[in-house]
Every structure is written in structure tokens, then in C-alpha cells.
Amino acid sequence: MCVHAETCGQQMALEHNGDVYSCDHYVEPGYLLGNIKEKRLLDLVALPQQRKFGLDKRDTLTQFCRDCDVRVGCNGGCPKDRLATSPYGEPGQHYLCPGYQSLFRHVREPMQAMVSLLRQDRAPAELMAAAGGWLPRMPDSAEALDLLLTVATPRKVQRDGIRCHGLRYISLTLAAFVGEAVTVRYDPRDLAEIRVFHRGAFLCRAVSPEIAAVSISLIGMPGFDRQLARYPQLYSRVGFAHQYRPLDPEDIPDVLEHYWQQLGLPFDPTLADEAATTVTRITGGNFRLIERLMSQVGRVLEINQLDTITPEVVEAARQTLLVGGQITAK
């Protein structure tokens, strides 16, 4: 496969008009070799510029790649993806480099065993039938498995921490590594924390104050915390979810007095008791439903130019309010 071959240049691109380019990822004027209407394809393949294109895959590797213990399996990846900066600070590093390293180090042991079998003219399938069988080496812990699934990217430690995805990450440990190149690993679903590695060794965890300090209070929204679980980047910020019990009937007049004040109406305890009975019957004391119902009460008052909340007004508000389905009297 050309992606992991030492050199490339054998997979060219032929356009509908006969133009031939060095690679299907480099269909650009600078990589146009010629046209098969004018030259034989064999001649275009043998052009010095095409040979140089193929050798450059090997000859332009960063020093970090040349020092890598799994270079023989990766060979720097496709040049089109060498968009990152190496931990040595060199441009031209493959942006998937940390992932490739994890992959090839993980499969190195079984691959070496299969090579040994092939050199003995034996089938690699014997590996599975070896004494005791063979299973791929798995991470030692769930945390190590999680680490394999994170995204890695090179960064440099600044005086104010590490910048990544527009956020700032800090840790006291980083103070001694200002100016150093590091690799950070993060879960795209939860950017509150990153793991920092220096020269291949774990250094520390760093947090983003902008995100880690955020908390969410879910009041009067039954079951919403379970719905939020589908979005880990938010759910991880939920410390706990408390299910409020329905309000007791004797508490509702106090709540309604608050809404009376919001609507700028004089509070009449007698009418409030009557309205409270209707509100309790309709909402069952659910605080969230009371809030939505009273919002509709305000609209009914405004539309009809009324200045008193009566049971009739509450009933009219119920008829216009939908909560999943229409609220019905109990």
C-alpha cells in the first residue's frame, strides 16, 4: 500500500482529457507530467520529476520519523497528510503520527511472529494454533484502552499553559516545561481535560478553566439528565441531578404570589387560593408545568386585557398549553 511504502510514485492519476498527474492526491498544475495523447504513459512514468516525487516520500521525512522505532511499518504515511509539526518542532509531520505509532507498536509482536513463520516456509495461521493459542495483546487497564482511543496532537508549552482547540490548559507541572514540545491526547467528546506526554512519557493532566469550571443546574426537568447522557461533553459536567418532588398544595399560593408580582398584579389571597386549587389540579404540583402554565396565564391576561387571575383564566391558559400532549384536568 503506497501510504506506508518507503517510496511512492507508482499510483498516478489519469484525467478524462488524457492529462497524467504524479498522484491522485496531487492533481495540481505543479504535478502535471504530460498528456497520453502526446507521450506514452511509460515515458511519463519514467520522467525524472516523477522519480523525484516518489523518492521525496522517503527523503523528506522529519528527524522524528527517522528516529521512530516503528518507521519500518509506517514510513511517515502519505505526504499529503504531513501537515503537523513534530515533537522536535519540525514541519512536515503526519497528523496521524501518534495513532500510527500506537497501531504499529500494538501489532508489532504478532507481525514479527508471522514473519518468522514465513521465513520457515510455514503458514502465518499457525500463530493461532500455537501452544496455548495466541491472543492480541490488550491494554493492561480500561484507562489504557481509553488512552488508545484518544486523539493525539503535538503542541508547545507556553507560559500560560497549552493552547488547543482555542482553549487554554493549565497544570502546575507544566511550569517546568515552558518552551518544550509535547504531545497532548484528548477525548473529542470532552475537552475539559487533556493528557500531556513529554518525549513519549506521561507528564501530567491539564484542565481548561473555561470548561472545567462550568456547572449545570437542571431544575424541574424530570429525566433530562438521562437525555443529556447522549452528549458526553455536557454530561461529564453534570455533578448530580436531583429530582424535585411535586409541590405541596399549601406551598403553591406562595409560588403564585411570586408570579402575581412578576405580572404586576395586586395579590388577593382569596382569589389566589381558588387559583391555587385549579393550578394544583392541572399540574399535579409539578414546578416546571406550573412555570409554563403561568407563562400562558400572562398571555391570556394580556390578550383579554384582564387584571385578575381567576380559575377561569387558569383554565383558558391550560387549553392553549402543550406539554408533549395537551395538559388535561385531573
C-alpha atoms as a PDB file:
ATOM      1  CA  MET A   1       0.000   0.000   0.000  1.00  0.00           C
ATOM      2  CA  CYS A   2       1.532   3.278  -1.107  1.00  0.00           C
ATOM      3  CA  VAL A   3       0.548   5.082   2.107  1.00  0.00           C
ATOM      4  CA  HIS A   4       3.017   3.032   4.152  1.00  0.00           C
ATOM      5  CA  ALA A   5       5.514   2.170   1.439  1.00  0.00           C
ATOM      6  CA  GLU A   6       9.007   3.637   1.748  1.00  0.00           C
ATOM      7  CA  THR A   7       8.640   5.469  -1.585  1.00  0.00           C
ATOM      8  CA  CYS A   8       5.724   6.093  -3.923  1.00  0.00           C
ATOM      9  CA  GLY A   9       5.048   7.374  -7.438  1.00  0.00           C
ATOM     10  CA  GLN A  10       3.524   4.255  -8.982  1.00  0.00           C
ATOM     11  CA  GLN A  11      -0.134   5.283  -8.494  1.00  0.00           C
ATOM     12  CA  MET A  12      -0.625   8.160 -10.901  1.00  0.00           C
ATOM     13  CA  ALA A  13      -3.850   9.903 -11.870  1.00  0.00           C
ATOM     14  CA  LEU A  14      -5.237   9.986 -15.426  1.00  0.00           C
ATOM     15  CA  GLU A  15      -7.828  12.668 -16.173  1.00  0.00           C
ATOM     16  CA  HIS A  16     -10.603  12.384 -18.785  1.00  0.00           C
ATOM     17  CA  ASN A  17      -8.702  14.650 -21.175  1.00  0.00           C
ATOM     18  CA  GLY A  18      -5.546  12.492 -21.083  1.00  0.00           C
ATOM     19  CA  ASP A  19      -3.580  14.566 -18.563  1.00  0.00           C
ATOM     20  CA  VAL A  20      -1.418  12.496 -16.209  1.00  0.00           C
ATOM     21  CA  TYR A  21      -0.516  13.672 -12.705  1.00  0.00           C
ATOM     22  CA  SER A  22       2.011  12.339 -10.208  1.00  0.00           C
ATOM     23  CA  CYS A  23      -0.717  11.136  -7.793  1.00  0.00           C
ATOM     24  CA  ASP A  24      -4.484  11.318  -7.422  1.00  0.00           C
ATOM     25  CA  HIS A  25      -3.901  13.451  -4.310  1.00  0.00           C
ATOM     26  CA  TYR A  26      -1.782  15.913  -6.285  1.00  0.00           C
ATOM     27  CA  VAL A  27      -3.924  16.782  -9.283  1.00  0.00           C
ATOM     28  CA  GLU A  28      -2.414  20.258  -9.443  1.00  0.00           C
ATOM     29  CA  PRO A  29      -0.507  22.180 -12.131  1.00  0.00           C
ATOM     30  CA  GLY A  30       2.837  21.636 -10.397  1.00  0.00           C
ATOM     31  CA  TYR A  31       2.439  17.856 -10.628  1.00  0.00           C
ATOM     32  CA  LEU A  32       1.264  17.572 -14.256  1.00  0.00           C
ATOM     33  CA  LEU A  33       3.531  15.112 -16.077  1.00  0.00           C
ATOM     34  CA  GLY A  34       2.051  15.412 -19.556  1.00  0.00           C
ATOM     35  CA  ASN A  35      -0.718  14.018 -21.753  1.00  0.00           C
ATOM     36  CA  ILE A  36      -1.018  10.490 -23.124  1.00  0.00           C
ATOM     37  CA  LYS A  37      -2.105  11.967 -26.466  1.00  0.00           C
ATOM     38  CA  GLU A  38       1.384  13.405 -26.800  1.00  0.00           C
ATOM     39  CA  LYS A  39       3.604  10.914 -24.884  1.00  0.00           C
ATOM     40  CA  ARG A  40       3.472   7.268 -23.992  1.00  0.00           C
ATOM     41  CA  LEU A  41       2.362   6.513 -20.436  1.00  0.00           C
ATOM     42  CA  LEU A  42       5.567   4.518 -19.920  1.00  0.00           C
ATOM     43  CA  ASP A  43       7.623   7.576 -20.776  1.00  0.00           C
ATOM     44  CA  LEU A  44       5.654   9.735 -18.347  1.00  0.00           C
ATOM     45  CA  VAL A  45       6.208   7.206 -15.550  1.00  0.00           C
ATOM     46  CA  ALA A  46       9.959   7.290 -16.189  1.00  0.00           C
ATOM     47  CA  LEU A  47      10.274  11.099 -16.060  1.00  0.00           C
ATOM     48  CA  PRO A  48      12.935  12.359 -13.590  1.00  0.00           C
ATOM     49  CA  GLN A  49      10.373  14.596 -11.874  1.00  0.00           C
ATOM     50  CA  GLN A  50       8.131  11.594 -11.214  1.00  0.00           C
ATOM     51  CA  ARG A  51      11.027   9.576  -9.838  1.00  0.00           C
ATOM     52  CA  LYS A  52      11.919  12.504  -7.562  1.00  0.00           C
ATOM     53  CA  PHE A  53       8.288  12.747  -6.459  1.00  0.00           C
ATOM     54  CA  GLY A  54       8.388   9.116  -5.340  1.00  0.00           C
ATOM     55  CA  LEU A  55      11.755   9.358  -3.576  1.00  0.00           C
ATOM     56  CA  ASP A  56      10.766  12.552  -1.763  1.00  0.00           C
ATOM     57  CA  LYS A  57       8.383  10.494   0.347  1.00  0.00           C
ATOM     58  CA  ARG A  58      11.433   8.931   1.971  1.00  0.00           C
ATOM     59  CA  ASP A  59      13.932  11.757   1.651  1.00  0.00           C
ATOM     60  CA  THR A  60      11.768  14.467   3.263  1.00  0.00           C
ATOM     61  CA  LEU A  61      10.975  12.545   6.465  1.00  0.00           C
ATOM     62  CA  THR A  62      11.375  14.537   9.672  1.00  0.00           C
ATOM     63  CA  GLN A  63      14.133  13.546  12.064  1.00  0.00           C
ATOM     64  CA  PHE A  64      11.421  12.462  14.493  1.00  0.00           C
ATOM     65  CA  CYS A  65      10.243   9.934  11.878  1.00  0.00           C
ATOM     66  CA  ARG A  66      13.784   8.746  11.196  1.00  0.00           C
ATOM     67  CA  ASP A  67      14.266   8.089  14.928  1.00  0.00           C
ATOM     68  CA  CYS A  68      10.936   6.270  15.301  1.00  0.00           C
ATOM     69  CA  ASP A  69      11.034   2.616  16.357  1.00  0.00           C
ATOM     70  CA  VAL A  70       8.108   1.706  14.044  1.00  0.00           C
ATOM     71  CA  ARG A  71       9.229   3.653  10.993  1.00  0.00           C
ATOM     72  CA  VAL A  72       9.570   0.415   9.008  1.00  0.00           C
ATOM     73  CA  GLY A  73       5.819  -0.111   9.245  1.00  0.00           C
ATOM     74  CA  CYS A  74       4.699   3.477   8.772  1.00  0.00           C
ATOM     75  CA  ASN A  75       7.354   5.245   6.660  1.00  0.00           C
ATOM     76  CA  GLY A  76       5.862   8.599   7.521  1.00  0.00           C
ATOM     77  CA  GLY A  77       2.467   7.997   5.928  1.00  0.00           C
ATOM     78  CA  CYS A  78       1.205   9.813   2.840  1.00  0.00           C
ATOM     79  CA  PRO A  79       2.969  13.145   2.146  1.00  0.00           C
ATOM     80  CA  LYS A  80      -0.400  14.834   1.560  1.00  0.00           C
ATOM     81  CA  ASP A  81      -1.156  14.392   5.267  1.00  0.00           C
ATOM     82  CA  ARG A  82       2.134  15.696   6.616  1.00  0.00           C
ATOM     83  CA  LEU A  83       0.532  18.840   7.943  1.00  0.00           C
ATOM     84  CA  ALA A  84       1.604  18.809  11.583  1.00  0.00           C
ATOM     85  CA  THR A  85       4.727  19.787  13.497  1.00  0.00           C
ATOM     86  CA  SER A  86       6.828  17.017  15.022  1.00  0.00           C
ATOM     87  CA  PRO A  87       7.625  16.902  18.754  1.00  0.00           C
ATOM     88  CA  TYR A  88      11.089  18.090  17.693  1.00  0.00           C
ATOM     89  CA  GLY A  89       9.482  21.238  16.262  1.00  0.00           C
ATOM     90  CA  GLU A  90       9.888  20.208  12.596  1.00  0.00           C
ATOM     91  CA  PRO A  91       7.206  20.950   9.993  1.00  0.00           C
ATOM     92  CA  GLY A  92       6.039  18.112   7.772  1.00  0.00           C
ATOM     93  CA  GLN A  93       4.914  15.567  10.379  1.00  0.00           C
ATOM     94  CA  HIS A  94       1.934  13.312   9.572  1.00  0.00           C
ATOM     95  CA  TYR A  95      -1.046  14.500  11.613  1.00  0.00           C
ATOM     96  CA  LEU A  96      -1.969  10.882  12.451  1.00  0.00           C
ATOM     97  CA  CYS A  97       1.529  10.042  13.679  1.00  0.00           C
ATOM     98  CA  PRO A  98       0.610   9.273  17.327  1.00  0.00           C
ATOM     99  CA  GLY A  99      -2.176   6.970  16.143  1.00  0.00           C
ATOM    100  CA  TYR A 100       0.127   5.181  13.714  1.00  0.00           C
ATOM    101  CA  GLN A 101       2.665   4.692  16.488  1.00  0.00           C
ATOM    102  CA  SER A 102       0.038   3.144  18.755  1.00  0.00           C
ATOM    103  CA  LEU A 103      -1.187   0.869  15.959  1.00  0.00           C
ATOM    104  CA  PHE A 104       2.192  -0.434  14.787  1.00  0.00           C
ATOM    105  CA  ARG A 105       3.527  -0.906  18.303  1.00  0.00           C
ATOM    106  CA  HIS A 106       0.379  -2.836  19.159  1.00  0.00           C
ATOM    107  CA  VAL A 107       0.692  -5.241  16.189  1.00  0.00           C
ATOM    108  CA  ARG A 108       4.499  -5.473  16.146  1.00  0.00           C
ATOM    109  CA  GLU A 109       4.748  -8.650  18.228  1.00  0.00           C
ATOM    110  CA  PRO A 110       2.295 -10.779  16.186  1.00  0.00           C
ATOM    111  CA  MET A 111       3.646  -9.385  12.908  1.00  0.00           C
ATOM    112  CA  GLN A 112       7.197 -10.383  13.850  1.00  0.00           C
ATOM    113  CA  ALA A 113       5.940 -13.862  14.751  1.00  0.00           C
ATOM    114  CA  MET A 114       4.249 -14.207  11.345  1.00  0.00           C
ATOM    115  CA  VAL A 115       7.418 -13.064   9.550  1.00  0.00           C
ATOM    116  CA  SER A 116       9.356 -15.734  11.412  1.00  0.00           C
ATOM    117  CA  LEU A 117       6.857 -18.389  10.288  1.00  0.00           C
ATOM    118  CA  LEU A 118       7.032 -17.232   6.662  1.00  0.00           C
ATOM    119  CA  ARG A 119      10.823 -17.451   6.690  1.00  0.00           C
ATOM    120  CA  GLN A 120      10.425 -21.072   7.722  1.00  0.00           C
ATOM    121  CA  ASP A 121       8.000 -21.675   4.842  1.00  0.00           C
ATOM    122  CA  ARG A 122       5.202 -22.096   7.332  1.00  0.00           C
ATOM    123  CA  ALA A 123       1.734 -20.580   7.285  1.00  0.00           C
ATOM    124  CA  PRO A 124       1.200 -17.472   9.448  1.00  0.00           C
ATOM    125  CA  ALA A 125      -2.110 -19.080  10.510  1.00  0.00           C
ATOM    126  CA  GLU A 126      -0.044 -21.391  12.720  1.00  0.00           C
ATOM    127  CA  LEU A 127       0.258 -18.460  15.063  1.00  0.00           C
ATOM    128  CA  MET A 128      -3.302 -19.024  16.233  1.00  0.00           C
ATOM    129  CA  ALA A 129      -2.688 -22.736  16.747  1.00  0.00           C
ATOM    130  CA  ALA A 130       0.497 -22.260  18.772  1.00  0.00           C
ATOM    131  CA  ALA A 131       0.723 -23.842  22.205  1.00  0.00           C
ATOM    132  CA  GLY A 132      -1.874 -22.222  24.383  1.00  0.00           C
ATOM    133  CA  GLY A 133      -3.138 -20.217  21.438  1.00  0.00           C
ATOM    134  CA  TRP A 134      -2.381 -16.582  20.827  1.00  0.00           C
ATOM    135  CA  LEU A 135      -4.466 -13.516  21.504  1.00  0.00           C
ATOM    136  CA  PRO A 136      -3.624  -9.932  20.544  1.00  0.00           C
ATOM    137  CA  ARG A 137      -2.049  -8.048  23.395  1.00  0.00           C
ATOM    138  CA  MET A 138      -4.704  -5.918  25.046  1.00  0.00           C
ATOM    139  CA  PRO A 139      -4.137  -2.812  27.189  1.00  0.00           C
ATOM    140  CA  ASP A 140      -3.492  -3.561  30.849  1.00  0.00           C
ATOM    141  CA  SER A 141      -6.415  -1.454  32.059  1.00  0.00           C
ATOM    142  CA  ALA A 142      -9.580   0.292  30.928  1.00  0.00           C
ATOM    143  CA  GLU A 143      -7.758   3.603  31.306  1.00  0.00           C
ATOM    144  CA  ALA A 144      -5.017   2.405  28.938  1.00  0.00           C
ATOM    145  CA  LEU A 145      -7.691   1.390  26.430  1.00  0.00           C
ATOM    146  CA  ASP A 146      -9.306   4.819  26.737  1.00  0.00           C
ATOM    147  CA  LEU A 147      -5.909   6.353  26.036  1.00  0.00           C
ATOM    148  CA  LEU A 148      -5.625   4.399  22.773  1.00  0.00           C
ATOM    149  CA  LEU A 149      -8.950   5.876  21.665  1.00  0.00           C
ATOM    150  CA  THR A 150      -7.981   9.488  22.307  1.00  0.00           C
ATOM    151  CA  VAL A 151      -6.752  11.932  19.676  1.00  0.00           C
ATOM    152  CA  ALA A 152      -3.101  12.984  19.829  1.00  0.00           C
ATOM    153  CA  THR A 153      -1.609  16.215  18.567  1.00  0.00           C
ATOM    154  CA  PRO A 154       1.783  17.951  19.062  1.00  0.00           C
ATOM    155  CA  ARG A 155       1.876  21.213  20.986  1.00  0.00           C
ATOM    156  CA  LYS A 156       4.401  23.517  22.667  1.00  0.00           C
ATOM    157  CA  VAL A 157       4.110  24.559  26.313  1.00  0.00           C
ATOM    158  CA  GLN A 158       3.612  28.324  26.644  1.00  0.00           C
ATOM    159  CA  ARG A 159       3.969  30.470  29.743  1.00  0.00           C
ATOM    160  CA  ASP A 160       0.211  30.450  30.243  1.00  0.00           C
ATOM    161  CA  GLY A 161      -0.178  26.721  29.572  1.00  0.00           C
ATOM    162  CA  ILE A 162      -1.007  24.752  26.437  1.00  0.00           C
ATOM    163  CA  ARG A 163      -3.321  26.038  23.716  1.00  0.00           C
ATOM    164  CA  CYS A 164      -5.532  23.511  21.956  1.00  0.00           C
ATOM    165  CA  HIS A 165      -8.791  23.983  20.033  1.00  0.00           C
ATOM    166  CA  GLY A 166      -8.959  27.606  21.116  1.00  0.00           C
ATOM    167  CA  LEU A 167      -8.819  26.680  24.810  1.00  0.00           C
ATOM    168  CA  ARG A 168      -6.081  27.109  27.408  1.00  0.00           C
ATOM    169  CA  TYR A 169      -4.983  24.136  29.542  1.00  0.00           C
ATOM    170  CA  ILE A 170      -3.024  24.576  32.753  1.00  0.00           C
ATOM    171  CA  SER A 171      -1.196  22.414  35.304  1.00  0.00           C
ATOM    172  CA  LEU A 172       1.442  23.256  37.883  1.00  0.00           C
ATOM    173  CA  THR A 173       3.685  20.574  36.363  1.00  0.00           C
ATOM    174  CA  LEU A 174       3.852  22.457  33.052  1.00  0.00           C
ATOM    175  CA  ALA A 175       5.715  25.379  34.658  1.00  0.00           C
ATOM    176  CA  ALA A 176       8.987  23.451  34.370  1.00  0.00           C
ATOM    177  CA  PHE A 177       8.433  22.654  30.678  1.00  0.00           C
ATOM    178  CA  VAL A 178       7.815  26.094  29.150  1.00  0.00           C
ATOM    179  CA  GLY A 179       9.061  26.092  25.555  1.00  0.00           C
ATOM    180  CA  GLU A 180       9.191  22.283  25.362  1.00  0.00           C
ATOM    181  CA  ALA A 181       7.446  20.292  22.625  1.00  0.00           C
ATOM    182  CA  VAL A 182       4.858  17.868  23.993  1.00  0.00           C
ATOM    183  CA  THR A 183       2.129  15.581  22.714  1.00  0.00           C
ATOM    184  CA  VAL A 184      -1.366  16.066  24.070  1.00  0.00           C
ATOM    185  CA  ARG A 185      -4.113  13.466  23.989  1.00  0.00           C
ATOM    186  CA  TYR A 186      -7.757  14.351  24.389  1.00  0.00           C
ATOM    187  CA  ASP A 187     -11.241  12.951  24.039  1.00  0.00           C
ATOM    188  CA  PRO A 188     -13.106  14.991  21.387  1.00  0.00           C
ATOM    189  CA  ARG A 189     -16.304  14.408  23.363  1.00  0.00           C
ATOM    190  CA  ASP A 190     -14.905  16.079  26.488  1.00  0.00           C
ATOM    191  CA  LEU A 191     -12.383  18.875  26.011  1.00  0.00           C
ATOM    192  CA  ALA A 192     -12.296  19.858  29.685  1.00  0.00           C
ATOM    193  CA  GLU A 193      -9.113  17.851  30.238  1.00  0.00           C
ATOM    194  CA  ILE A 194      -6.079  16.767  28.225  1.00  0.00           C
ATOM    195  CA  ARG A 195      -3.246  14.355  28.962  1.00  0.00           C
ATOM    196  CA  VAL A 196       0.243  15.647  28.310  1.00  0.00           C
ATOM    197  CA  PHE A 197       3.201  13.481  27.220  1.00  0.00           C
ATOM    198  CA  HIS A 198       6.822  14.608  27.013  1.00  0.00           C
ATOM    199  CA  ARG A 199       9.243  12.547  24.922  1.00  0.00           C
ATOM    200  CA  GLY A 200       6.859   9.607  24.962  1.00  0.00           C
ATOM    201  CA  ALA A 201       6.355   9.566  28.739  1.00  0.00           C
ATOM    202  CA  PHE A 202       3.217  10.691  30.558  1.00  0.00           C
ATOM    203  CA  LEU A 203       3.760  14.096  32.134  1.00  0.00           C
ATOM    204  CA  CYS A 204       0.510  15.304  33.651  1.00  0.00           C
ATOM    205  CA  ARG A 205      -3.151  16.057  33.164  1.00  0.00           C
ATOM    206  CA  ALA A 206      -4.079  19.635  32.332  1.00  0.00           C
ATOM    207  CA  VAL A 207      -7.519  21.205  32.580  1.00  0.00           C
ATOM    208  CA  SER A 208      -9.215  24.091  30.833  1.00  0.00           C
ATOM    209  CA  PRO A 209     -10.552  26.532  33.445  1.00  0.00           C
ATOM    210  CA  GLU A 210     -13.032  27.866  30.889  1.00  0.00           C
ATOM    211  CA  ILE A 211     -14.770  24.479  30.682  1.00  0.00           C
ATOM    212  CA  ALA A 212     -13.885  22.663  33.889  1.00  0.00           C
ATOM    213  CA  ALA A 213     -15.424  25.455  35.975  1.00  0.00           C
ATOM    214  CA  VAL A 214     -18.770  25.214  34.207  1.00  0.00           C
ATOM    215  CA  SER A 215     -21.621  23.501  36.036  1.00  0.00           C
ATOM    216  CA  ILE A 216     -25.242  22.987  35.044  1.00  0.00           C
ATOM    217  CA  SER A 217     -28.280  23.041  37.311  1.00  0.00           C
ATOM    218  CA  LEU A 218     -31.321  21.173  35.986  1.00  0.00           C
ATOM    219  CA  ILE A 219     -34.350  22.290  37.971  1.00  0.00           C
ATOM    220  CA  GLY A 220     -37.817  20.918  37.425  1.00  0.00           C
ATOM    221  CA  MET A 221     -36.803  18.912  34.328  1.00  0.00           C
ATOM    222  CA  PRO A 222     -37.502  15.247  35.189  1.00  0.00           C
ATOM    223  CA  GLY A 223     -35.413  12.751  33.259  1.00  0.00           C
ATOM    224  CA  PHE A 224     -33.412  15.399  31.428  1.00  0.00           C
ATOM    225  CA  ASP A 225     -30.132  14.162  32.906  1.00  0.00           C
ATOM    226  CA  ARG A 226     -30.714  10.805  31.192  1.00  0.00           C
ATOM    227  CA  GLN A 227     -31.314  12.526  27.866  1.00  0.00           C
ATOM    228  CA  LEU A 228     -28.128  14.540  28.386  1.00  0.00           C
ATOM    229  CA  ALA A 229     -26.159  11.295  28.741  1.00  0.00           C
ATOM    230  CA  ARG A 230     -26.190  11.046  24.938  1.00  0.00           C
ATOM    231  CA  TYR A 231     -23.870  14.073  24.851  1.00  0.00           C
ATOM    232  CA  PRO A 232     -20.785  13.126  26.921  1.00  0.00           C
ATOM    233  CA  GLN A 233     -19.141  16.541  26.536  1.00  0.00           C
ATOM    234  CA  LEU A 234     -22.067  18.005  28.502  1.00  0.00           C
ATOM    235  CA  TYR A 235     -22.943  15.046  30.688  1.00  0.00           C
ATOM    236  CA  SER A 236     -19.452  14.960  32.151  1.00  0.00           C
ATOM    237  CA  ARG A 237     -20.102  18.416  33.574  1.00  0.00           C
ATOM    238  CA  VAL A 238     -23.227  17.316  35.482  1.00  0.00           C
ATOM    239  CA  GLY A 239     -22.243  16.781  39.097  1.00  0.00           C
ATOM    240  CA  PHE A 240     -25.596  15.372  40.205  1.00  0.00           C
ATOM    241  CA  ALA A 241     -29.230  15.544  39.221  1.00  0.00           C
ATOM    242  CA  HIS A 242     -31.875  15.951  41.917  1.00  0.00           C
ATOM    243  CA  GLN A 243     -35.482  15.082  41.233  1.00  0.00           C
ATOM    244  CA  TYR A 244     -37.740  17.624  42.948  1.00  0.00           C
ATOM    245  CA  ARG A 245     -40.930  16.297  44.445  1.00  0.00           C
ATOM    246  CA  PRO A 246     -44.226  17.919  43.412  1.00  0.00           C
ATOM    247  CA  LEU A 247     -45.089  20.993  45.447  1.00  0.00           C
ATOM    248  CA  ASP A 248     -47.465  20.512  48.334  1.00  0.00           C
ATOM    249  CA  PRO A 249     -50.839  22.281  47.912  1.00  0.00           C
ATOM    250  CA  GLU A 250     -50.065  24.629  50.812  1.00  0.00           C
ATOM    251  CA  ASP A 251     -46.832  25.755  49.064  1.00  0.00           C
ATOM    252  CA  ILE A 252     -48.468  26.712  45.770  1.00  0.00           C
ATOM    253  CA  PRO A 253     -50.026  30.035  46.985  1.00  0.00           C
ATOM    254  CA  ASP A 254     -46.518  31.255  47.898  1.00  0.00           C
ATOM    255  CA  VAL A 255     -45.283  30.316  44.420  1.00  0.00           C
ATOM    256  CA  LEU A 256     -48.266  32.031  42.791  1.00  0.00           C
ATOM    257  CA  GLU A 257     -47.629  35.196  44.797  1.00  0.00           C
ATOM    258  CA  HIS A 258     -44.251  35.342  43.085  1.00  0.00           C
ATOM    259  CA  TYR A 259     -45.908  35.137  39.657  1.00  0.00           C
ATOM    260  CA  TRP A 260     -48.508  37.733  40.673  1.00  0.00           C
ATOM    261  CA  GLN A 261     -45.650  40.118  41.410  1.00  0.00           C
ATOM    262  CA  GLN A 262     -43.987  39.307  38.082  1.00  0.00           C
ATOM    263  CA  LEU A 263     -47.208  40.171  36.270  1.00  0.00           C
ATOM    264  CA  GLY A 264     -47.570  43.417  38.261  1.00  0.00           C
ATOM    265  CA  LEU A 265     -50.923  42.410  39.785  1.00  0.00           C
ATOM    266  CA  PRO A 266     -52.149  43.012  43.337  1.00  0.00           C
ATOM    267  CA  PHE A 267     -52.112  39.797  45.304  1.00  0.00           C
ATOM    268  CA  ASP A 268     -55.574  38.735  46.556  1.00  0.00           C
ATOM    269  CA  PRO A 269     -55.228  35.767  48.975  1.00  0.00           C
ATOM    270  CA  THR A 270     -58.853  34.693  48.430  1.00  0.00           C
ATOM    271  CA  LEU A 271     -58.589  34.575  44.653  1.00  0.00           C
ATOM    272  CA  ALA A 272     -55.100  33.101  44.991  1.00  0.00           C
ATOM    273  CA  ASP A 273     -56.476  30.158  46.976  1.00  0.00           C
ATOM    274  CA  GLU A 274     -59.063  29.491  44.280  1.00  0.00           C
ATOM    275  CA  ALA A 275     -56.474  29.796  41.506  1.00  0.00           C
ATOM    276  CA  ALA A 276     -54.058  27.615  43.501  1.00  0.00           C
ATOM    277  CA  THR A 277     -56.643  24.825  43.663  1.00  0.00           C
ATOM    278  CA  THR A 278     -57.049  24.937  39.886  1.00  0.00           C
ATOM    279  CA  VAL A 279     -53.282  25.083  39.276  1.00  0.00           C
ATOM    280  CA  THR A 280     -52.713  22.104  41.584  1.00  0.00           C
ATOM    281  CA  ARG A 281     -55.404  20.091  39.825  1.00  0.00           C
ATOM    282  CA  ILE A 282     -53.935  20.821  36.379  1.00  0.00           C
ATOM    283  CA  THR A 283     -50.208  20.434  37.094  1.00  0.00           C
ATOM    284  CA  GLY A 284     -50.152  17.994  39.993  1.00  0.00           C
ATOM    285  CA  GLY A 285     -47.715  20.389  41.705  1.00  0.00           C
ATOM    286  CA  ASN A 286     -45.008  19.914  39.046  1.00  0.00           C
ATOM    287  CA  PHE A 287     -42.888  23.051  39.303  1.00  0.00           C
ATOM    288  CA  ARG A 288     -41.917  23.042  35.626  1.00  0.00           C
ATOM    289  CA  LEU A 289     -45.532  22.733  34.486  1.00  0.00           C
ATOM    290  CA  ILE A 290     -46.557  25.494  36.877  1.00  0.00           C
ATOM    291  CA  GLU A 291     -43.947  27.760  35.322  1.00  0.00           C
ATOM    292  CA  ARG A 292     -45.179  27.062  31.801  1.00  0.00           C
ATOM    293  CA  LEU A 293     -48.824  27.324  32.779  1.00  0.00           C
ATOM    294  CA  MET A 294     -48.308  30.713  34.458  1.00  0.00           C
ATOM    295  CA  SER A 295     -46.483  31.941  31.362  1.00  0.00           C
ATOM    296  CA  GLN A 296     -49.650  31.187  29.378  1.00  0.00           C
ATOM    297  CA  VAL A 297     -51.756  32.833  32.101  1.00  0.00           C
ATOM    298  CA  GLY A 298     -49.827  36.045  31.489  1.00  0.00           C
ATOM    299  CA  ARG A 299     -50.626  35.850  27.761  1.00  0.00           C
ATOM    300  CA  VAL A 300     -54.334  35.256  28.439  1.00  0.00           C
ATOM    301  CA  LEU A 301     -54.424  38.293  30.733  1.00  0.00           C
ATOM    302  CA  GLU A 302     -52.673  40.470  28.163  1.00  0.00           C
ATOM    303  CA  ILE A 303     -54.804  39.387  25.194  1.00  0.00           C
ATOM    304  CA  ASN A 304     -58.068  39.820  27.097  1.00  0.00           C
ATOM    305  CA  GLN A 305     -56.934  42.937  28.978  1.00  0.00           C
ATOM    306  CA  LEU A 306     -57.660  41.371  32.378  1.00  0.00           C
ATOM    307  CA  ASP A 307     -56.073  42.289  35.700  1.00  0.00           C
ATOM    308  CA  THR A 308     -57.173  39.369  37.877  1.00  0.00           C
ATOM    309  CA  ILE A 309     -56.103  35.752  37.863  1.00  0.00           C
ATOM    310  CA  THR A 310     -59.169  33.591  38.340  1.00  0.00           C
ATOM    311  CA  PRO A 311     -59.754  29.842  37.960  1.00  0.00           C
ATOM    312  CA  GLU A 312     -61.359  30.615  34.594  1.00  0.00           C
ATOM    313  CA  VAL A 313     -58.199  32.370  33.409  1.00  0.00           C
ATOM    314  CA  VAL A 314     -56.104  29.396  34.509  1.00  0.00           C
ATOM    315  CA  GLU A 315     -58.408  27.005  32.633  1.00  0.00           C
ATOM    316  CA  ALA A 316     -58.163  29.147  29.494  1.00  0.00           C
ATOM    317  CA  ALA A 317     -54.348  29.038  29.785  1.00  0.00           C
ATOM    318  CA  ARG A 318     -54.439  25.231  30.145  1.00  0.00           C
ATOM    319  CA  GLN A 319     -56.352  24.865  26.896  1.00  0.00           C
ATOM    320  CA  THR A 320     -53.594  26.637  24.936  1.00  0.00           C
ATOM    321  CA  LEU A 321     -50.646  24.918  26.622  1.00  0.00           C
ATOM    322  CA  LEU A 322     -48.950  21.806  25.220  1.00  0.00           C
ATOM    323  CA  VAL A 323     -46.520  19.703  27.231  1.00  0.00           C
ATOM    324  CA  GLY A 324     -45.749  16.734  24.995  1.00  0.00           C
ATOM    325  CA  GLY A 325     -49.532  16.394  24.742  1.00  0.00           C
ATOM    326  CA  GLN A 326     -52.132  18.886  25.959  1.00  0.00           C
ATOM    327  CA  ILE A 327     -52.468  19.245  29.738  1.00  0.00           C
ATOM    328  CA  THR A 328     -55.800  17.867  30.801  1.00  0.00           C
ATOM    329  CA  ALA A 329     -57.608  18.349  34.044  1.00  0.00           C
ATOM    330  CA  LYS A 330     -57.372  15.526  36.528  1.00  0.00           C
END
